[in-house]
Amino acid sequence: MAALPRDIPDVYLAPVVLAVDARISELSGLDVEALAFQVALASDQPESTRSLRESGLITAIQHHVDCHGWTLQWDARGIRLSHDEHSLVLGVPPTFAEYLSGVSRKAGAARPSKG
């Protein structure tokens, strides 16, 4: 049985999910270097650790999105949106994982092959 909305954040679930998904889609079209640039613009923090890259990417995804009480955090499957006991996960593109790993395509291409 579907749960009825109990408060304003529940009512805003669909618009928030659509806005966050649209932002994920927008960022997914970028290569890793362009994604890193957009994260830097939105978060204004260093990307020296994975935790800081995760925080920065969440900030970039939320940039210009009114989440109406819903919070975003990383999940093994993507971005988890949560409010009280309700939550759902939106998938993310492979470039997000590549960015979070800290390995850029330019740096990877400059490495000599082993063997």
C-alpha atoms as a PDB file:
ATOM      1  CA  MET A   1       0.000   0.000   0.000  1.00  0.00           C
ATOM      2  CA  ALA A   2       1.334   3.441  -0.911  1.00  0.00           C
ATOM      3  CA  ALA A   3       2.044   5.815   1.941  1.00  0.00           C
ATOM      4  CA  LEU A   4       0.221   9.130   1.886  1.00  0.00           C
ATOM      5  CA  PRO A   5       2.232  12.338   2.266  1.00  0.00           C
ATOM      6  CA  ARG A   6       2.453  13.398   5.911  1.00  0.00           C
ATOM      7  CA  ASP A   7       4.141  16.774   5.516  1.00  0.00           C
ATOM      8  CA  ILE A   8       5.492  19.266   2.998  1.00  0.00           C
ATOM      9  CA  PRO A   9       8.786  17.400   2.261  1.00  0.00           C
ATOM     10  CA  ASP A  10       6.728  14.304   1.380  1.00  0.00           C
ATOM     11  CA  VAL A  11       4.643  16.362  -1.050  1.00  0.00           C
ATOM     12  CA  TYR A  12       7.828  17.622  -2.707  1.00  0.00           C
ATOM     13  CA  LEU A  13       9.319  14.154  -3.269  1.00  0.00           C
ATOM     14  CA  ALA A  14       8.503  13.945  -6.989  1.00  0.00           C
ATOM     15  CA  PRO A  15       9.705  17.459  -7.919  1.00  0.00           C
ATOM     16  CA  VAL A  16      12.907  16.973  -5.880  1.00  0.00           C
ATOM     17  CA  VAL A  17      13.644  13.592  -7.455  1.00  0.00           C
ATOM     18  CA  LEU A  18      13.009  14.974 -10.940  1.00  0.00           C
ATOM     19  CA  ALA A  19      15.287  17.980 -10.304  1.00  0.00           C
ATOM     20  CA  VAL A  20      18.078  15.847  -8.820  1.00  0.00           C
ATOM     21  CA  ASP A  21      17.793  13.316 -11.651  1.00  0.00           C
ATOM     22  CA  ALA A  22      17.955  16.130 -14.219  1.00  0.00           C
ATOM     23  CA  ARG A  23      21.094  17.495 -12.553  1.00  0.00           C
ATOM     24  CA  ILE A  24      22.688  14.017 -12.501  1.00  0.00           C
ATOM     25  CA  SER A  25      21.846  13.711 -16.193  1.00  0.00           C
ATOM     26  CA  GLU A  26      23.366  17.124 -16.915  1.00  0.00           C
ATOM     27  CA  LEU A  27      26.597  16.272 -15.073  1.00  0.00           C
ATOM     28  CA  SER A  28      26.763  12.804 -16.645  1.00  0.00           C
ATOM     29  CA  GLY A  29      27.433  14.358 -20.045  1.00  0.00           C
ATOM     30  CA  LEU A  30      30.770  15.740 -18.826  1.00  0.00           C
ATOM     31  CA  ASP A  31      34.141  14.020 -18.937  1.00  0.00           C
ATOM     32  CA  VAL A  32      36.018  13.624 -15.642  1.00  0.00           C
ATOM     33  CA  GLU A  33      38.003  16.862 -15.966  1.00  0.00           C
ATOM     34  CA  ALA A  34      34.892  18.925 -16.771  1.00  0.00           C
ATOM     35  CA  LEU A  35      33.032  17.209 -13.926  1.00  0.00           C
ATOM     36  CA  ALA A  36      35.872  18.075 -11.524  1.00  0.00           C
ATOM     37  CA  PHE A  37      35.664  21.697 -12.689  1.00  0.00           C
ATOM     38  CA  GLN A  38      31.888  21.843 -12.095  1.00  0.00           C
ATOM     39  CA  VAL A  39      32.318  20.267  -8.640  1.00  0.00           C
ATOM     40  CA  ALA A  40      35.003  22.835  -7.793  1.00  0.00           C
ATOM     41  CA  LEU A  41      32.724  25.694  -8.882  1.00  0.00           C
ATOM     42  CA  ALA A  42      29.753  24.444  -6.868  1.00  0.00           C
ATOM     43  CA  SER A  43      31.523  23.275  -3.713  1.00  0.00           C
ATOM     44  CA  ASP A  44      34.525  25.624  -3.422  1.00  0.00           C
ATOM     45  CA  GLN A  45      36.452  22.981  -1.479  1.00  0.00           C
ATOM     46  CA  PRO A  46      39.550  20.892  -2.160  1.00  0.00           C
ATOM     47  CA  GLU A  47      39.215  17.411  -3.631  1.00  0.00           C
ATOM     48  CA  SER A  48      42.197  15.950  -1.789  1.00  0.00           C
ATOM     49  CA  THR A  49      40.362  12.944  -0.307  1.00  0.00           C
ATOM     50  CA  ARG A  50      37.559  10.699  -1.458  1.00  0.00           C
ATOM     51  CA  SER A  51      35.358  12.006   1.345  1.00  0.00           C
ATOM     52  CA  LEU A  52      35.853  15.593   0.138  1.00  0.00           C
ATOM     53  CA  ARG A  53      35.193  14.542  -3.480  1.00  0.00           C
ATOM     54  CA  GLU A  54      31.957  12.826  -2.370  1.00  0.00           C
ATOM     55  CA  SER A  55      30.869  15.895  -0.430  1.00  0.00           C
ATOM     56  CA  GLY A  56      31.748  18.184  -3.327  1.00  0.00           C
ATOM     57  CA  LEU A  57      29.897  16.064  -5.865  1.00  0.00           C
ATOM     58  CA  ILE A  58      26.780  15.982  -3.664  1.00  0.00           C
ATOM     59  CA  THR A  59      27.023  19.776  -3.426  1.00  0.00           C
ATOM     60  CA  ALA A  60      27.333  20.024  -7.217  1.00  0.00           C
ATOM     61  CA  ILE A  61      24.310  17.774  -7.704  1.00  0.00           C
ATOM     62  CA  GLN A  62      22.244  19.870  -5.264  1.00  0.00           C
ATOM     63  CA  HIS A  63      23.425  23.131  -6.846  1.00  0.00           C
ATOM     64  CA  HIS A  64      20.325  25.249  -7.627  1.00  0.00           C
ATOM     65  CA  VAL A  65      18.001  22.445  -6.456  1.00  0.00           C
ATOM     66  CA  ASP A  66      15.646  23.178  -3.565  1.00  0.00           C
ATOM     67  CA  CYS A  67      15.522  19.821  -1.785  1.00  0.00           C
ATOM     68  CA  HIS A  68      12.591  20.784   0.518  1.00  0.00           C
ATOM     69  CA  GLY A  69      13.956  18.822   3.484  1.00  0.00           C
ATOM     70  CA  TRP A  70      15.211  15.804   1.524  1.00  0.00           C
ATOM     71  CA  THR A  71      18.899  15.024   2.063  1.00  0.00           C
ATOM     72  CA  LEU A  72      21.353  13.515  -0.410  1.00  0.00           C
ATOM     73  CA  GLN A  73      24.137  11.103   0.489  1.00  0.00           C
ATOM     74  CA  TRP A  74      26.245   8.459  -1.189  1.00  0.00           C
ATOM     75  CA  ASP A  75      24.995   4.902  -1.361  1.00  0.00           C
ATOM     76  CA  ALA A  76      26.711   1.849  -2.843  1.00  0.00           C
ATOM     77  CA  ARG A  77      24.186   2.039  -5.708  1.00  0.00           C
ATOM     78  CA  GLY A  78      24.197   5.819  -6.315  1.00  0.00           C
ATOM     79  CA  ILE A  79      22.709   8.882  -4.635  1.00  0.00           C
ATOM     80  CA  ARG A  80      20.316   8.228  -1.760  1.00  0.00           C
ATOM     81  CA  LEU A  81      17.576  10.789  -1.131  1.00  0.00           C
ATOM     82  CA  SER A  82      16.175  10.549   2.403  1.00  0.00           C
ATOM     83  CA  HIS A  83      13.547  12.167   4.560  1.00  0.00           C
ATOM     84  CA  ASP A  84      12.586  10.639   7.905  1.00  0.00           C
ATOM     85  CA  GLU A  85      12.177   6.896   7.272  1.00  0.00           C
ATOM     86  CA  HIS A  86      11.619   7.317   3.531  1.00  0.00           C
ATOM     87  CA  SER A  87      14.466   6.957   1.056  1.00  0.00           C
ATOM     88  CA  LEU A  88      15.219   6.060  -2.534  1.00  0.00           C
ATOM     89  CA  VAL A  89      18.368   5.707  -4.631  1.00  0.00           C
ATOM     90  CA  LEU A  90      19.084   7.239  -8.017  1.00  0.00           C
ATOM     91  CA  GLY A  91      21.760   5.637 -10.149  1.00  0.00           C
ATOM     92  CA  VAL A  92      24.838   7.576 -11.224  1.00  0.00           C
ATOM     93  CA  PRO A  93      27.003   7.416 -14.357  1.00  0.00           C
ATOM     94  CA  PRO A  94      30.442   5.756 -14.475  1.00  0.00           C
ATOM     95  CA  THR A  95      32.163   9.153 -14.668  1.00  0.00           C
ATOM     96  CA  PHE A  96      31.036   9.838 -11.095  1.00  0.00           C
ATOM     97  CA  ALA A  97      32.854   6.727  -9.858  1.00  0.00           C
ATOM     98  CA  GLU A  98      35.906   7.676 -11.905  1.00  0.00           C
ATOM     99  CA  TYR A  99      35.900  11.177 -10.424  1.00  0.00           C
ATOM    100  CA  LEU A 100      35.471   9.829  -6.885  1.00  0.00           C
ATOM    101  CA  SER A 101      38.396   7.438  -7.350  1.00  0.00           C
ATOM    102  CA  GLY A 102      40.619  10.468  -7.905  1.00  0.00           C
ATOM    103  CA  VAL A 103      42.060   9.159 -11.170  1.00  0.00           C
ATOM    104  CA  SER A 104      41.619  11.591 -14.035  1.00  0.00           C
ATOM    105  CA  ARG A 105      41.705  10.453 -17.644  1.00  0.00           C
ATOM    106  CA  LYS A 106      44.619  12.793 -18.403  1.00  0.00           C
ATOM    107  CA  ALA A 107      46.652  11.409 -15.502  1.00  0.00           C
ATOM    108  CA  GLY A 108      45.779   7.853 -16.488  1.00  0.00           C
ATOM    109  CA  ALA A 109      46.797   8.429 -20.099  1.00  0.00           C
ATOM    110  CA  ALA A 110      50.182   9.819 -19.035  1.00  0.00           C
ATOM    111  CA  ARG A 111      51.149   6.742 -17.067  1.00  0.00           C
ATOM    112  CA  PRO A 112      53.588   4.336 -18.705  1.00  0.00           C
ATOM    113  CA  SER A 113      52.340   0.798 -19.171  1.00  0.00           C
ATOM    114  CA  LYS A 114      53.772  -1.930 -17.003  1.00  0.00           C
ATOM    115  CA  GLY A 115      55.364  -4.916 -18.522  1.00  0.00           C
END
